[in-house]
PDB file of N, CA and C in Angstrom:
ATOM      1  N   MET A   1      58.604 -33.628 -50.341  1.00  0.00           N
ATOM      2  CA  MET A   1      59.023 -32.245 -50.268  1.00  0.00           C
ATOM      3  C   MET A   1      60.023 -32.128 -51.052  1.00  0.00           C
ATOM      4  N   THR A   2      60.224 -31.578 -51.990  1.00  0.00           N
ATOM      5  CA  THR A   2      61.367 -31.215 -52.770  1.00  0.00           C
ATOM      6  C   THR A   2      62.262 -29.947 -52.719  1.00  0.00           C
ATOM      7  N   ALA A   3      63.865 -30.350 -52.483  1.00  0.00           N
ATOM      8  CA  ALA A   3      64.693 -29.341 -52.968  1.00  0.00           C
ATOM      9  C   ALA A   3      64.515 -28.184 -54.321  1.00  0.00           C
ATOM     10  N   VAL A   4      64.287 -27.048 -53.732  1.00  0.00           N
ATOM     11  CA  VAL A   4      64.545 -25.946 -54.544  1.00  0.00           C
ATOM     12  C   VAL A   4      65.095 -25.180 -54.890  1.00  0.00           C
ATOM     13  N   ARG A   5      65.789 -23.955 -55.790  1.00  0.00           N
ATOM     14  CA  ARG A   5      66.600 -23.299 -55.751  1.00  0.00           C
ATOM     15  C   ARG A   5      65.817 -22.052 -55.863  1.00  0.00           C
ATOM     16  N   PRO A   6      65.800 -21.301 -55.021  1.00  0.00           N
ATOM     17  CA  PRO A   6      65.398 -20.070 -54.335  1.00  0.00           C
ATOM     18  C   PRO A   6      65.467 -18.963 -55.941  1.00  0.00           C
ATOM     19  N   LYS A   7      64.264 -18.412 -56.076  1.00  0.00           N
ATOM     20  CA  LYS A   7      64.243 -17.320 -57.327  1.00  0.00           C
ATOM     21  C   LYS A   7      65.117 -16.329 -57.151  1.00  0.00           C
ATOM     22  N   ALA A   8      65.950 -15.972 -58.545  1.00  0.00           N
ATOM     23  CA  ALA A   8      66.617 -14.683 -58.105  1.00  0.00           C
ATOM     24  C   ALA A   8      65.629 -13.426 -58.097  1.00  0.00           C
ATOM     25  N   ALA A   9      66.355 -12.590 -57.320  1.00  0.00           N
ATOM     26  CA  ALA A   9      65.993 -11.438 -56.918  1.00  0.00           C
ATOM     27  C   ALA A   9      65.211 -10.835 -58.257  1.00  0.00           C
ATOM     28  N   GLY A  10      64.031 -10.292 -58.368  1.00  0.00           N
ATOM     29  CA  GLY A  10      63.610  -9.573 -59.394  1.00  0.00           C
ATOM     30  C   GLY A  10      63.236 -10.218 -60.303  1.00  0.00           C
ATOM     31  N   SER A  11      63.391 -11.563 -60.647  1.00  0.00           N
ATOM     32  CA  SER A  11      63.176 -12.400 -61.748  1.00  0.00           C
ATOM     33  C   SER A  11      61.222 -12.438 -61.756  1.00  0.00           C
ATOM     34  N   GLY A  12      60.787 -12.663 -60.391  1.00  0.00           N
ATOM     35  CA  GLY A  12      59.508 -12.625 -61.219  1.00  0.00           C
ATOM     36  C   GLY A  12      59.183 -14.272 -61.347  1.00  0.00           C
ATOM     37  N   GLY A  13      60.369 -14.940 -61.375  1.00  0.00           N
ATOM     38  CA  GLY A  13      59.803 -16.603 -62.745  1.00  0.00           C
ATOM     39  C   GLY A  13      59.515 -17.620 -60.884  1.00  0.00           C
ATOM     40  N   PRO A  14      59.304 -18.480 -61.026  1.00  0.00           N
ATOM     41  CA  PRO A  14      59.211 -19.806 -60.101  1.00  0.00           C
ATOM     42  C   PRO A  14      60.074 -20.119 -59.203  1.00  0.00           C
ATOM     43  N   ALA A  15      60.371 -20.776 -58.450  1.00  0.00           N
ATOM     44  CA  ALA A  15      61.778 -21.358 -58.291  1.00  0.00           C
ATOM     45  C   ALA A  15      62.151 -22.588 -59.260  1.00  0.00           C
ATOM     46  N   GLU A  16      63.214 -22.905 -58.774  1.00  0.00           N
ATOM     47  CA  GLU A  16      64.133 -24.333 -59.788  1.00  0.00           C
ATOM     48  C   GLU A  16      64.450 -25.255 -59.369  1.00  0.00           C
ATOM     49  N   PRO A  17      63.909 -26.283 -59.893  1.00  0.00           N
ATOM     50  CA  PRO A  17      64.146 -27.897 -58.876  1.00  0.00           C
ATOM     51  C   PRO A  17      65.622 -27.595 -58.878  1.00  0.00           C
ATOM     52  N   ASP A  18      66.123 -28.359 -57.811  1.00  0.00           N
ATOM     53  CA  ASP A  18      67.784 -28.561 -57.455  1.00  0.00           C
ATOM     54  C   ASP A  18      67.947 -29.438 -57.672  1.00  0.00           C
ATOM     55  N   LEU A  19      68.934 -29.409 -59.461  1.00  0.00           N
ATOM     56  CA  LEU A  19      69.127 -30.431 -59.961  1.00  0.00           C
ATOM     57  C   LEU A  19      70.299 -30.576 -59.134  1.00  0.00           C
ATOM     58  N   ALA A  20      71.235 -29.921 -59.221  1.00  0.00           N
ATOM     59  CA  ALA A  20      72.723 -30.241 -58.580  1.00  0.00           C
ATOM     60  C   ALA A  20      72.537 -31.873 -57.556  1.00  0.00           C
ATOM     61  N   ARG A  21      71.336 -31.509 -56.460  1.00  0.00           N
ATOM     62  CA  ARG A  21      71.174 -32.451 -55.623  1.00  0.00           C
ATOM     63  C   ARG A  21      70.948 -34.000 -56.400  1.00  0.00           C
ATOM     64  N   GLY A  22      70.794 -34.188 -57.301  1.00  0.00           N
ATOM     65  CA  GLY A  22      70.260 -35.388 -58.132  1.00  0.00           C
ATOM     66  C   GLY A  22      69.096 -36.026 -57.562  1.00  0.00           C
ATOM     67  N   TRP A  23      69.216 -37.339 -57.442  1.00  0.00           N
ATOM     68  CA  TRP A  23      67.965 -37.921 -56.982  1.00  0.00           C
ATOM     69  C   TRP A  23      67.813 -37.896 -55.487  1.00  0.00           C
ATOM     70  N   PHE A  24      68.571 -37.548 -55.003  1.00  0.00           N
ATOM     71  CA  PHE A  24      68.543 -37.313 -53.588  1.00  0.00           C
ATOM     72  C   PHE A  24      67.418 -37.182 -52.474  1.00  0.00           C
ATOM     73  N   PRO A  25      66.857 -35.966 -53.163  1.00  0.00           N
ATOM     74  CA  PRO A  25      65.548 -35.408 -52.368  1.00  0.00           C
ATOM     75  C   PRO A  25      64.552 -36.423 -52.834  1.00  0.00           C
ATOM     76  N   ILE A  26      64.060 -36.346 -54.269  1.00  0.00           N
ATOM     77  CA  ILE A  26      63.123 -37.454 -54.291  1.00  0.00           C
ATOM     78  C   ILE A  26      63.468 -39.232 -53.532  1.00  0.00           C
ATOM     79  N   ASP A  27      64.242 -39.090 -53.536  1.00  0.00           N
ATOM     80  CA  ASP A  27      64.602 -40.410 -52.740  1.00  0.00           C
ATOM     81  C   ASP A  27      64.131 -40.513 -51.165  1.00  0.00           C
ATOM     82  N   ALA A  28      64.445 -39.636 -50.546  1.00  0.00           N
ATOM     83  CA  ALA A  28      64.683 -38.837 -49.085  1.00  0.00           C
ATOM     84  C   ALA A  28      62.836 -38.828 -49.219  1.00  0.00           C
ATOM     85  N   GLU A  29      62.059 -38.272 -49.557  1.00  0.00           N
ATOM     86  CA  GLU A  29      60.951 -37.843 -49.451  1.00  0.00           C
ATOM     87  C   GLU A  29      60.239 -39.439 -50.069  1.00  0.00           C
ATOM     88  N   ARG A  30      60.276 -40.220 -50.542  1.00  0.00           N
ATOM     89  CA  ARG A  30      59.958 -41.570 -50.958  1.00  0.00           C
ATOM     90  C   ARG A  30      60.243 -42.673 -49.738  1.00  0.00           C
ATOM     91  N   HIS A  31      61.255 -42.162 -48.919  1.00  0.00           N
ATOM     92  CA  HIS A  31      61.644 -43.196 -47.792  1.00  0.00           C
ATOM     93  C   HIS A  31      60.533 -42.803 -46.134  1.00  0.00           C
ATOM     94  N   ARG A  32      60.632 -41.286 -46.537  1.00  0.00           N
ATOM     95  CA  ARG A  32      60.023 -41.129 -45.435  1.00  0.00           C
ATOM     96  C   ARG A  32      58.632 -41.192 -45.339  1.00  0.00           C
ATOM     97  N   ARG A  33      57.560 -41.176 -46.702  1.00  0.00           N
ATOM     98  CA  ARG A  33      56.645 -41.620 -47.102  1.00  0.00           C
ATOM     99  C   ARG A  33      56.152 -43.164 -47.207  1.00  0.00           C
ATOM    100  N   ASP A  34      57.388 -43.950 -47.160  1.00  0.00           N
ATOM    101  CA  ASP A  34      57.083 -45.594 -47.542  1.00  0.00           C
ATOM    102  C   ASP A  34      57.665 -46.229 -46.204  1.00  0.00           C
ATOM    103  N   ALA A  35      58.161 -45.615 -45.521  1.00  0.00           N
ATOM    104  CA  ALA A  35      59.232 -46.733 -44.444  1.00  0.00           C
ATOM    105  C   ALA A  35      57.848 -46.646 -43.714  1.00  0.00           C
ATOM    106  N   PRO A  36      57.438 -48.100 -42.803  1.00  0.00           N
ATOM    107  CA  PRO A  36      57.052 -48.662 -42.035  1.00  0.00           C
ATOM    108  C   PRO A  36      56.714 -47.636 -40.811  1.00  0.00           C
ATOM    109  N   LYS A  37      55.918 -47.264 -40.319  1.00  0.00           N
ATOM    110  CA  LYS A  37      55.523 -46.396 -39.074  1.00  0.00           C
ATOM    111  C   LYS A  37      55.237 -47.235 -37.802  1.00  0.00           C
ATOM    112  N   TYR A  38      55.109 -48.347 -37.974  1.00  0.00           N
ATOM    113  CA  TYR A  38      54.639 -48.950 -36.737  1.00  0.00           C
ATOM    114  C   TYR A  38      55.274 -50.308 -36.726  1.00  0.00           C
ATOM    115  N   CYS A  39      55.570 -51.207 -35.664  1.00  0.00           N
ATOM    116  CA  CYS A  39      56.007 -52.664 -35.698  1.00  0.00           C
ATOM    117  C   CYS A  39      55.269 -53.496 -35.971  1.00  0.00           C
ATOM    118  N   PRO A  40      55.231 -54.179 -36.712  1.00  0.00           N
ATOM    119  CA  PRO A  40      54.446 -55.012 -37.065  1.00  0.00           C
ATOM    120  C   PRO A  40      54.097 -56.731 -36.027  1.00  0.00           C
ATOM    121  N   ALA A  41      54.732 -56.680 -34.904  1.00  0.00           N
ATOM    122  CA  ALA A  41      55.124 -57.534 -33.695  1.00  0.00           C
ATOM    123  C   ALA A  41      54.084 -56.763 -33.118  1.00  0.00           C
ATOM    124  N   CYS A  42      54.338 -55.508 -32.438  1.00  0.00           N
ATOM    125  CA  CYS A  42      53.640 -55.096 -31.357  1.00  0.00           C
ATOM    126  C   CYS A  42      52.755 -53.801 -31.638  1.00  0.00           C
ATOM    127  N   ALA A  43      52.975 -53.330 -32.997  1.00  0.00           N
ATOM    128  CA  ALA A  43      52.045 -52.114 -32.846  1.00  0.00           C
ATOM    129  C   ALA A  43      52.921 -50.992 -32.301  1.00  0.00           C
ATOM    130  N   ALA A  44      53.915 -50.806 -31.799  1.00  0.00           N
ATOM    131  CA  ALA A  44      54.784 -49.758 -31.316  1.00  0.00           C
ATOM    132  C   ALA A  44      54.975 -48.543 -32.365  1.00  0.00           C
ATOM    133  N   ALA A  45      55.064 -47.130 -32.129  1.00  0.00           N
ATOM    134  CA  ALA A  45      55.725 -46.316 -33.049  1.00  0.00           C
ATOM    135  C   ALA A  45      57.640 -46.866 -33.105  1.00  0.00           C
ATOM    136  N   LEU A  46      57.729 -46.970 -35.140  1.00  0.00           N
ATOM    137  CA  LEU A  46      59.095 -47.182 -34.725  1.00  0.00           C
ATOM    138  C   LEU A  46      60.136 -45.817 -34.961  1.00  0.00           C
ATOM    139  N   SER A  47      59.430 -44.718 -35.418  1.00  0.00           N
ATOM    140  CA  SER A  47      60.044 -43.571 -35.541  1.00  0.00           C
ATOM    141  C   SER A  47      60.512 -42.790 -34.111  1.00  0.00           C
ATOM    142  N   LEU A  48      61.674 -42.388 -34.064  1.00  0.00           N
ATOM    143  CA  LEU A  48      61.688 -41.699 -32.919  1.00  0.00           C
ATOM    144  C   LEU A  48      61.276 -40.180 -32.948  1.00  0.00           C
ATOM    145  N   ALA A  49      61.339 -39.602 -34.235  1.00  0.00           N
ATOM    146  CA  ALA A  49      60.287 -38.636 -34.088  1.00  0.00           C
ATOM    147  C   ALA A  49      58.371 -38.757 -33.555  1.00  0.00           C
ATOM    148  N   HIS A  50      58.041 -39.789 -33.786  1.00  0.00           N
ATOM    149  CA  HIS A  50      56.656 -40.216 -33.144  1.00  0.00           C
ATOM    150  C   HIS A  50      56.463 -40.857 -31.902  1.00  0.00           C
ATOM    151  N   GLY A  51      57.868 -40.953 -31.274  1.00  0.00           N
ATOM    152  CA  GLY A  51      58.187 -41.470 -30.009  1.00  0.00           C
ATOM    153  C   GLY A  51      58.441 -42.449 -29.385  1.00  0.00           C
ATOM    154  N   GLY A  52      58.817 -43.506 -30.793  1.00  0.00           N
ATOM    155  CA  GLY A  52      59.133 -45.183 -30.728  1.00  0.00           C
ATOM    156  C   GLY A  52      60.470 -45.045 -30.418  1.00  0.00           C
ATOM    157  N   GLN A  53      60.931 -46.404 -30.415  1.00  0.00           N
ATOM    158  CA  GLN A  53      62.292 -46.464 -29.890  1.00  0.00           C
ATOM    159  C   GLN A  53      62.875 -47.683 -31.079  1.00  0.00           C
ATOM    160  N   GLY A  54      62.690 -47.586 -32.140  1.00  0.00           N
ATOM    161  CA  GLY A  54      62.871 -48.228 -33.294  1.00  0.00           C
ATOM    162  C   GLY A  54      64.160 -47.335 -34.316  1.00  0.00           C
ATOM    163  N   LEU A  55      64.189 -48.482 -35.034  1.00  0.00           N
ATOM    164  CA  LEU A  55      65.022 -48.177 -36.403  1.00  0.00           C
ATOM    165  C   LEU A  55      64.148 -48.674 -37.699  1.00  0.00           C
ATOM    166  N   THR A  56      64.809 -48.174 -38.766  1.00  0.00           N
ATOM    167  CA  THR A  56      64.728 -48.563 -39.758  1.00  0.00           C
ATOM    168  C   THR A  56      65.264 -47.537 -41.050  1.00  0.00           C
ATOM    169  N   THR A  57      65.977 -48.764 -41.705  1.00  0.00           N
ATOM    170  CA  THR A  57      66.968 -48.576 -42.867  1.00  0.00           C
ATOM    171  C   THR A  57      66.530 -49.038 -44.047  1.00  0.00           C
ATOM    172  N   GLU A  58      66.841 -48.241 -45.544  1.00  0.00           N
ATOM    173  CA  GLU A  58      66.147 -49.120 -46.237  1.00  0.00           C
ATOM    174  C   GLU A  58      67.341 -49.355 -47.300  1.00  0.00           C
ATOM    175  N   TYR A  59      67.581 -50.366 -47.676  1.00  0.00           N
ATOM    176  CA  TYR A  59      67.803 -51.002 -49.297  1.00  0.00           C
ATOM    177  C   TYR A  59      67.103 -51.292 -50.737  1.00  0.00           C
ATOM    178  N   TRP A  60      67.914 -51.738 -51.737  1.00  0.00           N
ATOM    179  CA  TRP A  60      67.289 -52.117 -52.651  1.00  0.00           C
ATOM    180  C   TRP A  60      67.547 -53.292 -53.050  1.00  0.00           C
ATOM    181  N   THR A  61      66.917 -54.342 -53.871  1.00  0.00           N
ATOM    182  CA  THR A  61      67.167 -55.583 -54.580  1.00  0.00           C
ATOM    183  C   THR A  61      66.213 -55.704 -55.872  1.00  0.00           C
ATOM    184  N   GLY A  62      67.278 -55.327 -56.994  1.00  0.00           N
ATOM    185  CA  GLY A  62      66.445 -55.071 -57.958  1.00  0.00           C
ATOM    186  C   GLY A  62      65.852 -54.074 -58.310  1.00  0.00           C
ATOM    187  N   THR A  63      64.424 -54.410 -58.288  1.00  0.00           N
ATOM    188  CA  THR A  63      62.939 -53.539 -58.233  1.00  0.00           C
ATOM    189  C   THR A  63      62.268 -53.538 -56.501  1.00  0.00           C
ATOM    190  N   ASP A  64      62.857 -54.026 -55.931  1.00  0.00           N
ATOM    191  CA  ASP A  64      62.065 -54.037 -54.724  1.00  0.00           C
ATOM    192  C   ASP A  64      63.088 -53.153 -53.641  1.00  0.00           C
ATOM    193  N   ARG A  65      62.099 -52.377 -53.068  1.00  0.00           N
ATOM    194  CA  ARG A  65      62.544 -52.259 -51.719  1.00  0.00           C
ATOM    195  C   ARG A  65      62.304 -52.336 -50.156  1.00  0.00           C
ATOM    196  N   VAL A  66      63.961 -52.561 -50.059  1.00  0.00           N
ATOM    197  CA  VAL A  66      63.460 -53.848 -48.310  1.00  0.00           C
ATOM    198  C   VAL A  66      63.830 -52.749 -47.586  1.00  0.00           C
ATOM    199  N   PHE A  67      62.987 -52.684 -46.271  1.00  0.00           N
ATOM    200  CA  PHE A  67      63.239 -51.993 -45.314  1.00  0.00           C
ATOM    201  C   PHE A  67      63.485 -52.586 -44.051  1.00  0.00           C
ATOM    202  N   VAL A  68      64.766 -52.888 -43.083  1.00  0.00           N
ATOM    203  CA  VAL A  68      65.228 -53.832 -42.468  1.00  0.00           C
ATOM    204  C   VAL A  68      64.748 -52.737 -40.891  1.00  0.00           C
ATOM    205  N   CYS A  69      64.048 -53.075 -40.540  1.00  0.00           N
ATOM    206  CA  CYS A  69      63.795 -52.684 -39.120  1.00  0.00           C
ATOM    207  C   CYS A  69      63.955 -53.262 -37.797  1.00  0.00           C
ATOM    208  N   PHE A  70      64.200 -52.335 -36.751  1.00  0.00           N
ATOM    209  CA  PHE A  70      64.368 -53.389 -35.172  1.00  0.00           C
ATOM    210  C   PHE A  70      62.928 -52.134 -34.546  1.00  0.00           C
ATOM    211  N   CYS A  71      63.211 -52.840 -33.281  1.00  0.00           N
ATOM    212  CA  CYS A  71      61.646 -51.997 -32.797  1.00  0.00           C
ATOM    213  C   CYS A  71      62.130 -52.491 -31.297  1.00  0.00           C
ATOM    214  N   GLY A  72      63.005 -51.197 -30.509  1.00  0.00           N
ATOM    215  CA  GLY A  72      63.297 -51.295 -29.154  1.00  0.00           C
ATOM    216  C   GLY A  72      62.274 -51.289 -28.014  1.00  0.00           C
ATOM    217  N   ALA A  73      60.978 -51.670 -28.714  1.00  0.00           N
ATOM    218  CA  ALA A  73      59.747 -51.978 -27.544  1.00  0.00           C
ATOM    219  C   ALA A  73      59.936 -52.781 -27.290  1.00  0.00           C
ATOM    220  N   CYS A  74      59.641 -54.511 -28.277  1.00  0.00           N
ATOM    221  CA  CYS A  74      59.666 -55.621 -28.098  1.00  0.00           C
ATOM    222  C   CYS A  74      60.994 -56.759 -28.565  1.00  0.00           C
ATOM    223  N   GLY A  75      61.713 -55.752 -29.053  1.00  0.00           N
ATOM    224  CA  GLY A  75      62.778 -56.461 -29.973  1.00  0.00           C
ATOM    225  C   GLY A  75      62.702 -57.306 -31.217  1.00  0.00           C
ATOM    226  N   TRP A  76      61.486 -56.779 -31.708  1.00  0.00           N
ATOM    227  CA  TRP A  76      61.359 -57.853 -32.910  1.00  0.00           C
ATOM    228  C   TRP A  76      62.667 -57.078 -34.046  1.00  0.00           C
ATOM    229  N   SER A  77      62.954 -57.473 -34.963  1.00  0.00           N
ATOM    230  CA  SER A  77      63.575 -56.931 -35.853  1.00  0.00           C
ATOM    231  C   SER A  77      63.533 -58.081 -37.277  1.00  0.00           C
ATOM    232  N   GLY A  78      63.315 -57.396 -38.407  1.00  0.00           N
ATOM    233  CA  GLY A  78      63.287 -58.014 -39.765  1.00  0.00           C
ATOM    234  C   GLY A  78      62.841 -57.002 -40.739  1.00  0.00           C
ATOM    235  N   ASP A  79      62.983 -57.747 -42.180  1.00  0.00           N
ATOM    236  CA  ASP A  79      62.699 -57.338 -43.138  1.00  0.00           C
ATOM    237  C   ASP A  79      61.157 -57.502 -43.700  1.00  0.00           C
ATOM    238  N   ILE A  80      61.069 -55.788 -44.094  1.00  0.00           N
ATOM    239  CA  ILE A  80      59.844 -55.581 -44.458  1.00  0.00           C
ATOM    240  C   ILE A  80      59.864 -54.838 -46.272  1.00  0.00           C
ATOM    241  N   VAL A  81      59.540 -56.071 -47.375  1.00  0.00           N
ATOM    242  CA  VAL A  81      59.516 -55.749 -48.562  1.00  0.00           C
ATOM    243  C   VAL A  81      58.410 -55.008 -49.560  1.00  0.00           C
ATOM    244  N   LEU A  82      58.938 -53.906 -49.857  1.00  0.00           N
ATOM    245  CA  LEU A  82      57.858 -53.296 -51.197  1.00  0.00           C
ATOM    246  C   LEU A  82      58.248 -53.690 -52.275  1.00  0.00           C
ATOM    247  N   ALA A  83      57.191 -54.700 -53.145  1.00  0.00           N
ATOM    248  CA  ALA A  83      57.544 -55.276 -54.130  1.00  0.00           C
ATOM    249  C   ALA A  83      56.423 -54.798 -55.116  1.00  0.00           C
ATOM    250  N   ASP A  84      56.922 -54.745 -56.317  1.00  0.00           N
ATOM    251  CA  ASP A  84      55.976 -53.781 -57.568  1.00  0.00           C
ATOM    252  C   ASP A  84      54.593 -54.896 -57.632  1.00  0.00           C
ATOM    253  N   ARG A  85      54.960 -56.486 -57.395  1.00  0.00           N
ATOM    254  CA  ARG A  85      54.184 -57.649 -57.884  1.00  0.00           C
ATOM    255  C   ARG A  85      54.593 -58.755 -56.775  1.00  0.00           C
ATOM    256  N   VAL A  86      53.302 -59.431 -56.433  1.00  0.00           N
ATOM    257  CA  VAL A  86      53.326 -60.109 -55.865  1.00  0.00           C
ATOM    258  C   VAL A  86      53.045 -61.321 -56.026  1.00  0.00           C
ATOM    259  N   VAL A  87      53.083 -62.433 -56.460  1.00  0.00           N
ATOM    260  CA  VAL A  87      52.548 -63.524 -57.190  1.00  0.00           C
ATOM    261  C   VAL A  87      52.645 -64.678 -56.082  1.00  0.00           C
ATOM    262  N   GLY A  88      50.856 -65.129 -55.877  1.00  0.00           N
ATOM    263  CA  GLY A  88      51.056 -65.866 -54.543  1.00  0.00           C
ATOM    264  C   GLY A  88      50.148 -67.321 -55.393  1.00  0.00           C
ATOM    265  N   HIS A  89      49.930 -68.453 -54.402  1.00  0.00           N
ATOM    266  CA  HIS A  89      49.123 -69.949 -54.695  1.00  0.00           C
ATOM    267  C   HIS A  89      48.617 -70.011 -53.672  1.00  0.00           C
ATOM    268  N   GLU A  90      47.228 -70.683 -54.039  1.00  0.00           N
ATOM    269  CA  GLU A  90      46.285 -71.803 -52.975  1.00  0.00           C
ATOM    270  C   GLU A  90      46.786 -72.967 -53.116  1.00  0.00           C
ATOM    271  N   SER A  91      46.722 -73.421 -51.534  1.00  0.00           N
ATOM    272  CA  SER A  91      47.024 -74.742 -51.220  1.00  0.00           C
ATOM    273  C   SER A  91      46.167 -75.650 -51.950  1.00  0.00           C
ATOM    274  N   ALA A  92      46.479 -76.815 -52.230  1.00  0.00           N
ATOM    275  CA  ALA A  92      45.703 -77.719 -52.801  1.00  0.00           C
ATOM    276  C   ALA A  92      44.695 -78.227 -51.983  1.00  0.00           C
ATOM    277  N   ASP A  93      44.367 -78.127 -50.656  1.00  0.00           N
ATOM    278  CA  ASP A  93      43.896 -79.276 -49.555  1.00  0.00           C
ATOM    279  C   ASP A  93      42.763 -78.087 -49.129  1.00  0.00           C
TER     280      ASP A  93
END
């Protein structure tokens, strides 16, 4: 959902983006879309809107997006990182 400025009466043109609010509407939509929905430990809903007892907030580290989460159902807390790229390795044995 993007904030839009309503069209002027009688203009007949489409609504215009709300540029006065800057990046916030786009970032808020990305947060709603990408925030973890369920606890990784017990699978309970995190969002209060979905009946959960959790809390999720977001911050950024460079290009990574980090979600700090708490689950009220099981007490788990931790960070979930959305990274652009992940480089791994295989063990020698």
